[in-house]
């Protein structure tokens, strides 16, 4: 990841229709971390929309829960990027119950794998 994990926090919040991923700078005035977070999530949104989940697979492993379903069902997941004053967010939405479950499992695995750099 291009930003400093020790200066940022990940949040993966399950929602009724998918998942909210937020990455924020621990110090909101840290303009460099905010910029790097935004660049990374913009790039990830573009890749995820195409079913390209190579980055999470490289970091967390190809057996990560939900990853295969998200990659093959990408056309059924709407991904919206938004900026926050302290970073950025990706909102994943789907009407497909299998993909919703995959998003929830993937978010939980991300939270677990990021350890102290993530909040539940």
PDB file of N, CA and C in Angstrom:
ATOM      1  N   UNK A   1       0.841  -1.170   0.000  1.00  0.00           N
ATOM      2  CA  UNK A   1       0.000   0.000   0.000  1.00  0.00           C
ATOM      3  C   UNK A   1       0.886   1.233   0.000  1.00  0.00           C
ATOM      4  N   UNK A   2       0.486   2.243  -0.716  1.00  0.00           N
ATOM      5  CA  UNK A   2       1.342   3.414  -0.825  1.00  0.00           C
ATOM      6  C   UNK A   2       1.350   4.295   0.421  1.00  0.00           C
ATOM      7  N   UNK A   3       0.351   4.155   1.280  1.00  0.00           N
ATOM      8  CA  UNK A   3       0.303   4.984   2.487  1.00  0.00           C
ATOM      9  C   UNK A   3       0.892   4.210   3.662  1.00  0.00           C
ATOM     10  N   UNK A   4       1.151   4.910   4.741  1.00  0.00           N
ATOM     11  CA  UNK A   4       1.784   4.335   5.916  1.00  0.00           C
ATOM     12  C   UNK A   4       0.724   3.695   6.814  1.00  0.00           C
ATOM     13  N   UNK A   5       0.771   2.385   6.975  1.00  0.00           N
ATOM     14  CA  UNK A   5      -0.215   1.685   7.803  1.00  0.00           C
ATOM     15  C   UNK A   5      -0.190   2.159   9.256  1.00  0.00           C
ATOM     16  N   UNK A   6       0.966   2.586   9.729  1.00  0.00           N
ATOM     17  CA  UNK A   6       1.063   3.048  11.103  1.00  0.00           C
ATOM     18  C   UNK A   6       0.472   4.449  11.298  1.00  0.00           C
ATOM     19  N   UNK A   7       0.142   5.111  10.199  1.00  0.00           N
ATOM     20  CA  UNK A   7      -0.430   6.469  10.294  1.00  0.00           C
ATOM     21  C   UNK A   7      -1.850   6.529   9.746  1.00  0.00           C
ATOM     22  N   UNK A   8      -2.434   5.357   9.484  1.00  0.00           N
ATOM     23  CA  UNK A   8      -3.779   5.296   8.909  1.00  0.00           C
ATOM     24  C   UNK A   8      -4.588   4.189   9.573  1.00  0.00           C
ATOM     25  N   UNK A   9      -5.903   4.231   9.368  1.00  0.00           N
ATOM     26  CA  UNK A   9      -6.793   3.204   9.907  1.00  0.00           C
ATOM     27  C   UNK A   9      -7.766   2.765   8.826  1.00  0.00           C
ATOM     28  N   UNK A  10      -7.977   1.460   8.738  1.00  0.00           N
ATOM     29  CA  UNK A  10      -8.970   0.867   7.834  1.00  0.00           C
ATOM     30  C   UNK A  10     -10.226   0.554   8.626  1.00  0.00           C
ATOM     31  N   UNK A  11     -11.380   0.742   7.992  1.00  0.00           N
ATOM     32  CA  UNK A  11     -12.645   0.295   8.568  1.00  0.00           C
ATOM     33  C   UNK A  11     -13.423  -0.425   7.482  1.00  0.00           C
ATOM     34  N   UNK A  12     -13.942  -1.596   7.799  1.00  0.00           N
ATOM     35  CA  UNK A  12     -14.780  -2.366   6.885  1.00  0.00           C
ATOM     36  C   UNK A  12     -16.091  -2.606   7.614  1.00  0.00           C
ATOM     37  N   UNK A  13     -17.131  -1.886   7.216  1.00  0.00           N
ATOM     38  CA  UNK A  13     -18.410  -1.944   7.902  1.00  0.00           C
ATOM     39  C   UNK A  13     -19.441  -2.641   7.026  1.00  0.00           C
ATOM     40  N   UNK A  14     -19.965  -3.792   7.468  1.00  0.00           N
ATOM     41  CA  UNK A  14     -21.017  -4.451   6.690  1.00  0.00           C
ATOM     42  C   UNK A  14     -22.272  -3.577   6.698  1.00  0.00           C
ATOM     43  N   UNK A  15     -22.967  -3.553   5.564  1.00  0.00           N
ATOM     44  CA  UNK A  15     -24.208  -2.791   5.442  1.00  0.00           C
ATOM     45  C   UNK A  15     -25.307  -3.732   4.946  1.00  0.00           C
ATOM     46  N   UNK A  16     -26.525  -3.241   4.968  1.00  0.00           N
ATOM     47  CA  UNK A  16     -27.666  -4.059   4.543  1.00  0.00           C
ATOM     48  C   UNK A  16     -27.565  -4.467   3.079  1.00  0.00           C
ATOM     49  N   UNK A  17     -26.843  -3.702   2.273  1.00  0.00           N
ATOM     50  CA  UNK A  17     -26.723  -4.019   0.852  1.00  0.00           C
ATOM     51  C   UNK A  17     -25.279  -4.206   0.395  1.00  0.00           C
ATOM     52  N   UNK A  18     -24.353  -4.396   1.343  1.00  0.00           N
ATOM     53  CA  UNK A  18     -22.972  -4.604   0.936  1.00  0.00           C
ATOM     54  C   UNK A  18     -21.950  -4.288   2.006  1.00  0.00           C
ATOM     55  N   UNK A  19     -21.064  -3.350   1.697  1.00  0.00           N
ATOM     56  CA  UNK A  19     -19.928  -3.073   2.571  1.00  0.00           C
ATOM     57  C   UNK A  19     -19.464  -1.639   2.367  1.00  0.00           C
ATOM     58  N   UNK A  20     -19.044  -1.013   3.453  1.00  0.00           N
ATOM     59  CA  UNK A  20     -18.409   0.302   3.394  1.00  0.00           C
ATOM     60  C   UNK A  20     -16.972   0.125   3.844  1.00  0.00           C
ATOM     61  N   UNK A  21     -16.029   0.460   2.961  1.00  0.00           N
ATOM     62  CA  UNK A  21     -14.605   0.441   3.292  1.00  0.00           C
ATOM     63  C   UNK A  21     -14.146   1.878   3.431  1.00  0.00           C
ATOM     64  N   UNK A  22     -13.570   2.209   4.577  1.00  0.00           N
ATOM     65  CA  UNK A  22     -13.043   3.545   4.805  1.00  0.00           C
ATOM     66  C   UNK A  22     -11.576   3.431   5.181  1.00  0.00           C
ATOM     67  N   UNK A  23     -10.760   4.299   4.622  1.00  0.00           N
ATOM     68  CA  UNK A  23      -9.362   4.393   5.014  1.00  0.00           C
ATOM     69  C   UNK A  23      -9.128   5.852   5.357  1.00  0.00           C
ATOM     70  N   UNK A  24      -8.650   6.082   6.578  1.00  0.00           N
ATOM     71  CA  UNK A  24      -8.494   7.450   7.068  1.00  0.00           C
ATOM     72  C   UNK A  24      -7.109   7.654   7.653  1.00  0.00           C
ATOM     73  N   UNK A  25      -6.634   8.889   7.565  1.00  0.00           N
ATOM     74  CA  UNK A  25      -5.380   9.262   8.210  1.00  0.00           C
ATOM     75  C   UNK A  25      -5.651   9.427   9.699  1.00  0.00           C
ATOM     76  N   UNK A  26      -4.787   8.882  10.536  1.00  0.00           N
ATOM     77  CA  UNK A  26      -4.965   9.017  11.984  1.00  0.00           C
ATOM     78  C   UNK A  26      -4.886  10.476  12.412  1.00  0.00           C
ATOM     79  N   UNK A  27      -4.095  11.256  11.699  1.00  0.00           N
ATOM     80  CA  UNK A  27      -4.024  12.705  11.906  1.00  0.00           C
ATOM     81  C   UNK A  27      -4.654  13.347  10.664  1.00  0.00           C
ATOM     82  N   UNK A  28      -5.893  13.820  10.756  1.00  0.00           N
ATOM     83  CA  UNK A  28      -6.590  14.341   9.570  1.00  0.00           C
ATOM     84  C   UNK A  28      -5.840  15.450   8.826  1.00  0.00           C
ATOM     85  N   UNK A  29      -4.946  16.133   9.533  1.00  0.00           N
ATOM     86  CA  UNK A  29      -4.165  17.204   8.892  1.00  0.00           C
ATOM     87  C   UNK A  29      -2.957  16.669   8.121  1.00  0.00           C
ATOM     88  N   UNK A  30      -2.750  15.360   8.133  1.00  0.00           N
ATOM     89  CA  UNK A  30      -1.631  14.735   7.426  1.00  0.00           C
ATOM     90  C   UNK A  30      -1.975  14.648   5.936  1.00  0.00           C
ATOM     91  N   UNK A  31      -1.740  15.748   5.242  1.00  0.00           N
ATOM     92  CA  UNK A  31      -2.152  15.880   3.835  1.00  0.00           C
ATOM     93  C   UNK A  31      -1.523  14.812   2.939  1.00  0.00           C
ATOM     94  N   UNK A  32      -0.304  14.416   3.227  1.00  0.00           N
ATOM     95  CA  UNK A  32       0.363  13.414   2.391  1.00  0.00           C
ATOM     96  C   UNK A  32      -0.339  12.064   2.508  1.00  0.00           C
ATOM     97  N   UNK A  33      -0.676  11.632   3.718  1.00  0.00           N
ATOM     98  CA  UNK A  33      -1.378  10.371   3.881  1.00  0.00           C
ATOM     99  C   UNK A  33      -2.766  10.420   3.253  1.00  0.00           C
ATOM    100  N   UNK A  34      -3.463  11.537   3.419  1.00  0.00           N
ATOM    101  CA  UNK A  34      -4.794  11.689   2.813  1.00  0.00           C
ATOM    102  C   UNK A  34      -4.688  11.564   1.295  1.00  0.00           C
ATOM    103  N   UNK A  35      -3.694  12.207   0.705  1.00  0.00           N
ATOM    104  CA  UNK A  35      -3.496  12.133  -0.752  1.00  0.00           C
ATOM    105  C   UNK A  35      -3.215  10.703  -1.187  1.00  0.00           C
ATOM    106  N   UNK A  36      -2.334  10.017  -0.472  1.00  0.00           N
ATOM    107  CA  UNK A  36      -1.982   8.645  -0.831  1.00  0.00           C
ATOM    108  C   UNK A  36      -3.173   7.697  -0.677  1.00  0.00           C
ATOM    109  N   UNK A  37      -3.960   7.878   0.370  1.00  0.00           N
ATOM    110  CA  UNK A  37      -5.167   7.067   0.566  1.00  0.00           C
ATOM    111  C   UNK A  37      -6.105   7.255  -0.617  1.00  0.00           C
ATOM    112  N   UNK A  38      -6.347   8.503  -0.994  1.00  0.00           N
ATOM    113  CA  UNK A  38      -7.275   8.800  -2.088  1.00  0.00           C
ATOM    114  C   UNK A  38      -6.797   8.204  -3.397  1.00  0.00           C
ATOM    115  N   UNK A  39      -5.511   8.334  -3.684  1.00  0.00           N
ATOM    116  CA  UNK A  39      -4.975   7.752  -4.923  1.00  0.00           C
ATOM    117  C   UNK A  39      -5.157   6.235  -4.928  1.00  0.00           C
ATOM    118  N   UNK A  40      -4.859   5.604  -3.810  1.00  0.00           N
ATOM    119  CA  UNK A  40      -4.947   4.146  -3.727  1.00  0.00           C
ATOM    120  C   UNK A  40      -6.393   3.675  -3.891  1.00  0.00           C
ATOM    121  N   UNK A  41      -7.332   4.277  -3.175  1.00  0.00           N
ATOM    122  CA  UNK A  41      -8.715   3.822  -3.267  1.00  0.00           C
ATOM    123  C   UNK A  41      -9.332   4.145  -4.626  1.00  0.00           C
ATOM    124  N   UNK A  42      -8.925   5.244  -5.251  1.00  0.00           N
ATOM    125  CA  UNK A  42      -9.393   5.530  -6.616  1.00  0.00           C
ATOM    126  C   UNK A  42      -8.953   4.407  -7.555  1.00  0.00           C
ATOM    127  N   UNK A  43      -7.698   4.027  -7.447  1.00  0.00           N
ATOM    128  CA  UNK A  43      -7.148   2.954  -8.289  1.00  0.00           C
ATOM    129  C   UNK A  43      -7.827   1.616  -7.979  1.00  0.00           C
ATOM    130  N   UNK A  44      -8.004   1.322  -6.697  1.00  0.00           N
ATOM    131  CA  UNK A  44      -8.638   0.065  -6.319  1.00  0.00           C
ATOM    132  C   UNK A  44     -10.079  -0.007  -6.820  1.00  0.00           C
ATOM    133  N   UNK A  45     -10.817   1.078  -6.736  1.00  0.00           N
ATOM    134  CA  UNK A  45     -12.209   1.089  -7.222  1.00  0.00           C
ATOM    135  C   UNK A  45     -12.253   0.721  -8.702  1.00  0.00           C
ATOM    136  N   UNK A  46     -11.355   1.293  -9.485  1.00  0.00           N
ATOM    137  CA  UNK A  46     -11.310   0.994 -10.922  1.00  0.00           C
ATOM    138  C   UNK A  46     -11.032  -0.487 -11.154  1.00  0.00           C
ATOM    139  N   UNK A  47     -10.101  -1.039 -10.427  1.00  0.00           N
ATOM    140  CA  UNK A  47      -9.733  -2.450 -10.586  1.00  0.00           C
ATOM    141  C   UNK A  47     -10.861  -3.365 -10.109  1.00  0.00           C
ATOM    142  N   UNK A  48     -11.434  -3.071  -8.938  1.00  0.00           N
ATOM    143  CA  UNK A  48     -12.499  -3.915  -8.387  1.00  0.00           C
ATOM    144  C   UNK A  48     -13.711  -3.947  -9.313  1.00  0.00           C
ATOM    145  N   UNK A  49     -14.018  -2.832  -9.948  1.00  0.00           N
ATOM    146  CA  UNK A  49     -15.153  -2.797 -10.878  1.00  0.00           C
ATOM    147  C   UNK A  49     -14.962  -3.776 -12.030  1.00  0.00           C
ATOM    148  N   UNK A  50     -13.722  -4.078 -12.363  1.00  0.00           N
ATOM    149  CA  UNK A  50     -13.403  -5.014 -13.443  1.00  0.00           C
ATOM    150  C   UNK A  50     -13.228  -6.441 -12.924  1.00  0.00           C
ATOM    151  N   UNK A  51     -13.388  -6.628 -11.618  1.00  0.00           N
ATOM    152  CA  UNK A  51     -13.182  -7.953 -11.039  1.00  0.00           C
ATOM    153  C   UNK A  51     -11.725  -8.260 -10.750  1.00  0.00           C
ATOM    154  N   UNK A  52     -10.889  -7.244 -10.744  1.00  0.00           N
ATOM    155  CA  UNK A  52      -9.456  -7.419 -10.497  1.00  0.00           C
ATOM    156  C   UNK A  52      -9.168  -7.198  -9.014  1.00  0.00           C
ATOM    157  N   UNK A  53      -9.079  -8.287  -8.285  1.00  0.00           N
ATOM    158  CA  UNK A  53      -8.799  -8.247  -6.853  1.00  0.00           C
ATOM    159  C   UNK A  53      -7.395  -8.755  -6.566  1.00  0.00           C
ATOM    160  N   UNK A  54      -6.468  -8.489  -7.488  1.00  0.00           N
ATOM    161  CA  UNK A  54      -5.094  -8.956  -7.355  1.00  0.00           C
ATOM    162  C   UNK A  54      -4.386  -8.348  -6.148  1.00  0.00           C
ATOM    163  N   UNK A  55      -4.632  -7.053  -5.867  1.00  0.00           N
ATOM    164  CA  UNK A  55      -3.954  -6.407  -4.739  1.00  0.00           C
ATOM    165  C   UNK A  55      -4.306  -7.061  -3.414  1.00  0.00           C
ATOM    166  N   UNK A  56      -5.593  -7.229  -3.076  1.00  0.00           N
ATOM    167  CA  UNK A  56      -5.889  -7.912  -1.815  1.00  0.00           C
ATOM    168  C   UNK A  56      -5.369  -9.349  -1.800  1.00  0.00           C
ATOM    169  N   UNK A  57      -5.418 -10.022  -2.929  1.00  0.00           N
ATOM    170  CA  UNK A  57      -4.933 -11.403  -2.987  1.00  0.00           C
ATOM    171  C   UNK A  57      -3.434 -11.463  -2.724  1.00  0.00           C
ATOM    172  N   UNK A  58      -2.682 -10.492  -3.262  1.00  0.00           N
ATOM    173  CA  UNK A  58      -1.231 -10.470  -3.066  1.00  0.00           C
ATOM    174  C   UNK A  58      -0.880 -10.215  -1.602  1.00  0.00           C
ATOM    175  N   UNK A  59      -1.679  -9.405  -0.934  1.00  0.00           N
ATOM    176  CA  UNK A  59      -1.403  -9.055   0.457  1.00  0.00           C
ATOM    177  C   UNK A  59      -1.930 -10.120   1.416  1.00  0.00           C
ATOM    178  N   UNK A  60      -3.163 -10.571   1.176  1.00  0.00           N
ATOM    179  CA  UNK A  60      -3.860 -11.428   2.138  1.00  0.00           C
ATOM    180  C   UNK A  60      -3.954 -12.892   1.707  1.00  0.00           C
ATOM    181  N   UNK A  61      -3.572 -13.192   0.479  1.00  0.00           N
ATOM    182  CA  UNK A  61      -3.636 -14.566  -0.005  1.00  0.00           C
ATOM    183  C   UNK A  61      -4.861 -14.806  -0.879  1.00  0.00           C
ATOM    184  N   UNK A  62      -4.737 -15.736  -1.807  1.00  0.00           N
ATOM    185  CA  UNK A  62      -5.819 -16.007  -2.759  1.00  0.00           C
ATOM    186  C   UNK A  62      -6.986 -16.752  -2.138  1.00  0.00           C
ATOM    187  N   UNK A  63      -6.790 -17.327  -0.956  1.00  0.00           N
ATOM    188  CA  UNK A  63      -7.865 -18.060  -0.282  1.00  0.00           C
ATOM    189  C   UNK A  63      -8.683 -17.158   0.645  1.00  0.00           C
ATOM    190  N   UNK A  64      -8.465 -15.858   0.560  1.00  0.00           N
ATOM    191  CA  UNK A  64      -9.182 -14.913   1.409  1.00  0.00           C
ATOM    192  C   UNK A  64     -10.693 -15.090   1.232  1.00  0.00           C
ATOM    193  N   UNK A  65     -11.454 -15.177   2.322  1.00  0.00           N
ATOM    194  CA  UNK A  65     -12.908 -15.363   2.215  1.00  0.00           C
ATOM    195  C   UNK A  65     -13.581 -14.306   1.331  1.00  0.00           C
ATOM    196  N   UNK A  66     -14.435 -14.774   0.425  1.00  0.00           N
ATOM    197  CA  UNK A  66     -15.216 -13.894  -0.436  1.00  0.00           C
ATOM    198  C   UNK A  66     -14.514 -13.414  -1.689  1.00  0.00           C
ATOM    199  N   UNK A  67     -13.215 -13.534  -1.741  1.00  0.00           N
ATOM    200  CA  UNK A  67     -12.433 -12.964  -2.843  1.00  0.00           C
ATOM    201  C   UNK A  67     -12.817 -13.548  -4.204  1.00  0.00           C
ATOM    202  N   UNK A  68     -12.917 -14.859  -4.300  1.00  0.00           N
ATOM    203  CA  UNK A  68     -13.239 -15.497  -5.580  1.00  0.00           C
ATOM    204  C   UNK A  68     -14.612 -15.055  -6.076  1.00  0.00           C
ATOM    205  N   UNK A  69     -15.597 -15.021  -5.172  1.00  0.00           N
ATOM    206  CA  UNK A  69     -16.951 -14.622  -5.562  1.00  0.00           C
ATOM    207  C   UNK A  69     -16.988 -13.159  -6.031  1.00  0.00           C
ATOM    208  N   UNK A  70     -16.238 -12.296  -5.362  1.00  0.00           N
ATOM    209  CA  UNK A  70     -16.214 -10.886  -5.762  1.00  0.00           C
ATOM    210  C   UNK A  70     -15.555 -10.708  -7.122  1.00  0.00           C
ATOM    211  N   UNK A  71     -14.503 -11.462  -7.376  1.00  0.00           N
ATOM    212  CA  UNK A  71     -13.818 -11.355  -8.662  1.00  0.00           C
ATOM    213  C   UNK A  71     -14.706 -11.845  -9.799  1.00  0.00           C
ATOM    214  N   UNK A  72     -15.415 -12.951  -9.598  1.00  0.00           N
ATOM    215  CA  UNK A  72     -16.245 -13.492 -10.685  1.00  0.00           C
ATOM    216  C   UNK A  72     -17.600 -12.805 -10.803  1.00  0.00           C
ATOM    217  N   UNK A  73     -18.057 -12.149  -9.731  1.00  0.00           N
ATOM    218  CA  UNK A  73     -19.365 -11.490  -9.763  1.00  0.00           C
ATOM    219  C   UNK A  73     -19.290  -9.976  -9.830  1.00  0.00           C
ATOM    220  N   UNK A  74     -18.155  -9.448 -10.236  1.00  0.00           N
ATOM    221  CA  UNK A  74     -17.915  -8.003 -10.206  1.00  0.00           C
ATOM    222  C   UNK A  74     -18.998  -7.179 -10.905  1.00  0.00           C
ATOM    223  N   UNK A  75     -19.558  -7.707 -11.986  1.00  0.00           N
ATOM    224  CA  UNK A  75     -20.557  -6.937 -12.737  1.00  0.00           C
ATOM    225  C   UNK A  75     -21.850  -6.748 -11.940  1.00  0.00           C
ATOM    226  N   UNK A  76     -22.002  -7.465 -10.833  1.00  0.00           N
ATOM    227  CA  UNK A  76     -23.199  -7.362 -10.003  1.00  0.00           C
ATOM    228  C   UNK A  76     -22.970  -6.572  -8.720  1.00  0.00           C
ATOM    229  N   UNK A  77     -21.804  -5.929  -8.635  1.00  0.00           N
ATOM    230  CA  UNK A  77     -21.476  -5.116  -7.463  1.00  0.00           C
ATOM    231  C   UNK A  77     -21.221  -3.691  -7.937  1.00  0.00           C
ATOM    232  N   UNK A  78     -21.966  -2.748  -7.377  1.00  0.00           N
ATOM    233  CA  UNK A  78     -21.765  -1.327  -7.672  1.00  0.00           C
ATOM    234  C   UNK A  78     -20.760  -0.789  -6.656  1.00  0.00           C
ATOM    235  N   UNK A  79     -19.706  -0.153  -7.144  1.00  0.00           N
ATOM    236  CA  UNK A  79     -18.666   0.380  -6.264  1.00  0.00           C
ATOM    237  C   UNK A  79     -18.575   1.883  -6.479  1.00  0.00           C
ATOM    238  N   UNK A  80     -18.750   2.621  -5.391  1.00  0.00           N
ATOM    239  CA  UNK A  80     -18.716   4.079  -5.437  1.00  0.00           C
ATOM    240  C   UNK A  80     -17.560   4.582  -4.582  1.00  0.00           C
ATOM    241  N   UNK A  81     -16.760   5.453  -5.153  1.00  0.00           N
ATOM    242  CA  UNK A  81     -15.652   6.097  -4.442  1.00  0.00           C
ATOM    243  C   UNK A  81     -16.138   7.441  -3.924  1.00  0.00           C
ATOM    244  N   UNK A  82     -15.736   7.791  -2.699  1.00  0.00           N
ATOM    245  CA  UNK A  82     -16.021   9.126  -2.172  1.00  0.00           C
ATOM    246  C   UNK A  82     -14.861   9.575  -1.297  1.00  0.00           C
ATOM    247  N   UNK A  83     -14.679  10.877  -1.244  1.00  0.00           N
ATOM    248  CA  UNK A  83     -13.627  11.430  -0.402  1.00  0.00           C
ATOM    249  C   UNK A  83     -14.197  11.849   0.942  1.00  0.00           C
ATOM    250  N   UNK A  84     -13.369  11.728   1.942  1.00  0.00           N
ATOM    251  CA  UNK A  84     -13.663  12.205   3.287  1.00  0.00           C
ATOM    252  C   UNK A  84     -12.585  13.235   3.620  1.00  0.00           C
ATOM    253  N   UNK A  85     -12.827  14.120   4.559  1.00  0.00           N
ATOM    254  CA  UNK A  85     -11.785  15.099   4.897  1.00  0.00           C
ATOM    255  C   UNK A  85     -10.473  14.443   5.336  1.00  0.00           C
ATOM    256  N   UNK A  86     -10.558  13.240   5.919  1.00  0.00           N
ATOM    257  CA  UNK A  86      -9.380  12.556   6.435  1.00  0.00           C
ATOM    258  C   UNK A  86      -8.943  11.350   5.602  1.00  0.00           C
ATOM    259  N   UNK A  87      -9.538  11.172   4.430  1.00  0.00           N
ATOM    260  CA  UNK A  87      -9.168  10.038   3.578  1.00  0.00           C
ATOM    261  C   UNK A  87     -10.181   9.792   2.492  1.00  0.00           C
ATOM    262  N   UNK A  88     -10.621   8.528   2.366  1.00  0.00           N
ATOM    263  CA  UNK A  88     -11.567   8.183   1.305  1.00  0.00           C
ATOM    264  C   UNK A  88     -12.322   6.916   1.692  1.00  0.00           C
ATOM    265  N   UNK A  89     -13.361   6.621   0.896  1.00  0.00           N
ATOM    266  CA  UNK A  89     -14.192   5.448   1.162  1.00  0.00           C
ATOM    267  C   UNK A  89     -14.622   4.802  -0.143  1.00  0.00           C
ATOM    268  N   UNK A  90     -14.858   3.492  -0.067  1.00  0.00           N
ATOM    269  CA  UNK A  90     -15.464   2.736  -1.160  1.00  0.00           C
ATOM    270  C   UNK A  90     -16.746   2.131  -0.618  1.00  0.00           C
ATOM    271  N   UNK A  91     -17.815   2.324  -1.355  1.00  0.00           N
ATOM    272  CA  UNK A  91     -19.118   1.759  -0.970  1.00  0.00           C
ATOM    273  C   UNK A  91     -19.447   0.676  -1.968  1.00  0.00           C
ATOM    274  N   UNK A  92     -19.554  -0.564  -1.503  1.00  0.00           N
ATOM    275  CA  UNK A  92     -19.884  -1.716  -2.326  1.00  0.00           C
ATOM    276  C   UNK A  92     -21.361  -2.021  -2.105  1.00  0.00           C
ATOM    277  N   UNK A  93     -22.153  -2.096  -3.197  1.00  0.00           N
ATOM    278  CA  UNK A  93     -23.579  -2.418  -3.087  1.00  0.00           C
ATOM    279  C   UNK A  93     -23.930  -3.530  -4.074  1.00  0.00           C
ATOM    280  N   UNK A  94     -24.805  -4.437  -3.604  1.00  0.00           N
ATOM    281  CA  UNK A  94     -25.284  -5.502  -4.474  1.00  0.00           C
ATOM    282  C   UNK A  94     -26.655  -5.963  -4.004  1.00  0.00           C
ATOM    283  N   UNK A  95     -27.447  -6.475  -4.934  1.00  0.00           N
ATOM    284  CA  UNK A  95     -28.737  -7.087  -4.598  1.00  0.00           C
ATOM    285  C   UNK A  95     -28.608  -8.601  -4.540  1.00  0.00           C
ATOM    286  N   UNK A  96     -27.444  -9.126  -4.873  1.00  0.00           N
ATOM    287  CA  UNK A  96     -27.187 -10.556  -4.907  1.00  0.00           C
ATOM    288  C   UNK A  96     -26.774 -11.033  -3.506  1.00  0.00           C
ATOM    289  N   UNK A  97     -27.560 -11.921  -2.921  1.00  0.00           N
ATOM    290  CA  UNK A  97     -27.308 -12.393  -1.551  1.00  0.00           C
ATOM    291  C   UNK A  97     -25.953 -13.086  -1.407  1.00  0.00           C
ATOM    292  N   UNK A  98     -25.543 -13.837  -2.417  1.00  0.00           N
ATOM    293  CA  UNK A  98     -24.256 -14.524  -2.370  1.00  0.00           C
ATOM    294  C   UNK A  98     -23.111 -13.520  -2.347  1.00  0.00           C
ATOM    295  N   UNK A  99     -23.226 -12.480  -3.176  1.00  0.00           N
ATOM    296  CA  UNK A  99     -22.180 -11.461  -3.209  1.00  0.00           C
ATOM    297  C   UNK A  99     -22.188 -10.605  -1.950  1.00  0.00           C
ATOM    298  N   UNK A 100     -23.367 -10.357  -1.400  1.00  0.00           N
ATOM    299  CA  UNK A 100     -23.444  -9.608  -0.147  1.00  0.00           C
ATOM    300  C   UNK A 100     -22.723 -10.379   0.961  1.00  0.00           C
ATOM    301  N   UNK A 101     -22.958 -11.678   1.015  1.00  0.00           N
ATOM    302  CA  UNK A 101     -22.263 -12.521   1.985  1.00  0.00           C
ATOM    303  C   UNK A 101     -20.756 -12.485   1.735  1.00  0.00           C
ATOM    304  N   UNK A 102     -20.356 -12.544   0.467  1.00  0.00           N
ATOM    305  CA  UNK A 102     -18.932 -12.487   0.117  1.00  0.00           C
ATOM    306  C   UNK A 102     -18.319 -11.167   0.581  1.00  0.00           C
ATOM    307  N   UNK A 103     -19.041 -10.059   0.374  1.00  0.00           N
ATOM    308  CA  UNK A 103     -18.545  -8.758   0.830  1.00  0.00           C
ATOM    309  C   UNK A 103     -18.377  -8.730   2.347  1.00  0.00           C
ATOM    310  N   UNK A 104     -19.351  -9.263   3.063  1.00  0.00           N
ATOM    311  CA  UNK A 104     -19.268  -9.278   4.526  1.00  0.00           C
ATOM    312  C   UNK A 104     -18.097 -10.138   5.006  1.00  0.00           C
ATOM    313  N   UNK A 105     -17.912 -11.296   4.385  1.00  0.00           N
ATOM    314  CA  UNK A 105     -16.803 -12.180   4.776  1.00  0.00           C
ATOM    315  C   UNK A 105     -15.457 -11.561   4.412  1.00  0.00           C
ATOM    316  N   UNK A 106     -15.399 -10.928   3.244  1.00  0.00           N
ATOM    317  CA  UNK A 106     -14.170 -10.283   2.791  1.00  0.00           C
ATOM    318  C   UNK A 106     -13.812  -9.119   3.714  1.00  0.00           C
ATOM    319  N   UNK A 107     -14.801  -8.322   4.090  1.00  0.00           N
ATOM    320  CA  UNK A 107     -14.561  -7.207   5.004  1.00  0.00           C
ATOM    321  C   UNK A 107     -14.073  -7.682   6.361  1.00  0.00           C
ATOM    322  N   UNK A 108     -14.672  -8.753   6.881  1.00  0.00           N
ATOM    323  CA  UNK A 108     -14.246  -9.299   8.172  1.00  0.00           C
ATOM    324  C   UNK A 108     -12.810  -9.824   8.096  1.00  0.00           C
ATOM    325  N   UNK A 109     -12.478 -10.471   6.995  1.00  0.00           N
ATOM    326  CA  UNK A 109     -11.119 -10.984   6.815  1.00  0.00           C
ATOM    327  C   UNK A 109     -10.115  -9.838   6.708  1.00  0.00           C
ATOM    328  N   UNK A 110     -10.490  -8.782   5.993  1.00  0.00           N
ATOM    329  CA  UNK A 110      -9.618  -7.599   5.882  1.00  0.00           C
ATOM    330  C   UNK A 110      -9.367  -7.013   7.267  1.00  0.00           C
ATOM    331  N   UNK A 111     -10.442  -6.847   8.043  1.00  0.00           N
ATOM    332  CA  UNK A 111     -10.311  -6.281   9.390  1.00  0.00           C
ATOM    333  C   UNK A 111      -9.375  -7.126  10.231  1.00  0.00           C
ATOM    334  N   UNK A 112      -9.544  -8.430  10.174  1.00  0.00           N
ATOM    335  CA  UNK A 112      -8.707  -9.333  10.942  1.00  0.00           C
ATOM    336  C   UNK A 112      -7.253  -9.260  10.492  1.00  0.00           C
ATOM    337  N   UNK A 113      -7.028  -9.285   9.187  1.00  0.00           N
ATOM    338  CA  UNK A 113      -5.668  -9.286   8.657  1.00  0.00           C
ATOM    339  C   UNK A 113      -4.935  -7.972   8.919  1.00  0.00           C
ATOM    340  N   UNK A 114      -5.651  -6.856   8.935  1.00  0.00           N
ATOM    341  CA  UNK A 114      -5.006  -5.552   9.157  1.00  0.00           C
ATOM    342  C   UNK A 114      -4.696  -5.316  10.632  1.00  0.00           C
ATOM    343  N   UNK A 115      -5.212  -6.167  11.497  1.00  0.00           N
ATOM    344  CA  UNK A 115      -4.869  -6.115  12.917  1.00  0.00           C
ATOM    345  C   UNK A 115      -5.070  -4.756  13.543  1.00  0.00           C
ATOM    346  N   UNK A 116      -4.010  -4.250  14.147  1.00  0.00           N
ATOM    347  CA  UNK A 116      -4.100  -2.970  14.869  1.00  0.00           C
ATOM    348  C   UNK A 116      -4.332  -1.782  13.950  1.00  0.00           C
ATOM    349  N   UNK A 117      -4.205  -1.974  12.642  1.00  0.00           N
ATOM    350  CA  UNK A 117      -4.423  -0.892  11.684  1.00  0.00           C
ATOM    351  C   UNK A 117      -5.863  -0.830  11.199  1.00  0.00           C
ATOM    352  N   UNK A 118      -6.726  -1.643  11.813  1.00  0.00           N
ATOM    353  CA  UNK A 118      -8.143  -1.676  11.402  1.00  0.00           C
ATOM    354  C   UNK A 118      -9.039  -1.589  12.627  1.00  0.00           C
ATOM    355  N   UNK A 119     -10.219  -1.048  12.399  1.00  0.00           N
ATOM    356  CA  UNK A 119     -11.240  -0.992  13.446  1.00  0.00           C
ATOM    357  C   UNK A 119     -12.416  -1.820  13.012  1.00  0.00           C
ATOM    358  N   UNK A 120     -13.083  -2.425  13.971  1.00  0.00           N
ATOM    359  CA  UNK A 120     -14.290  -3.212  13.702  1.00  0.00           C
ATOM    360  C   UNK A 120     -15.477  -2.287  13.630  1.00  0.00           C
TER     361      UNK A 120
END
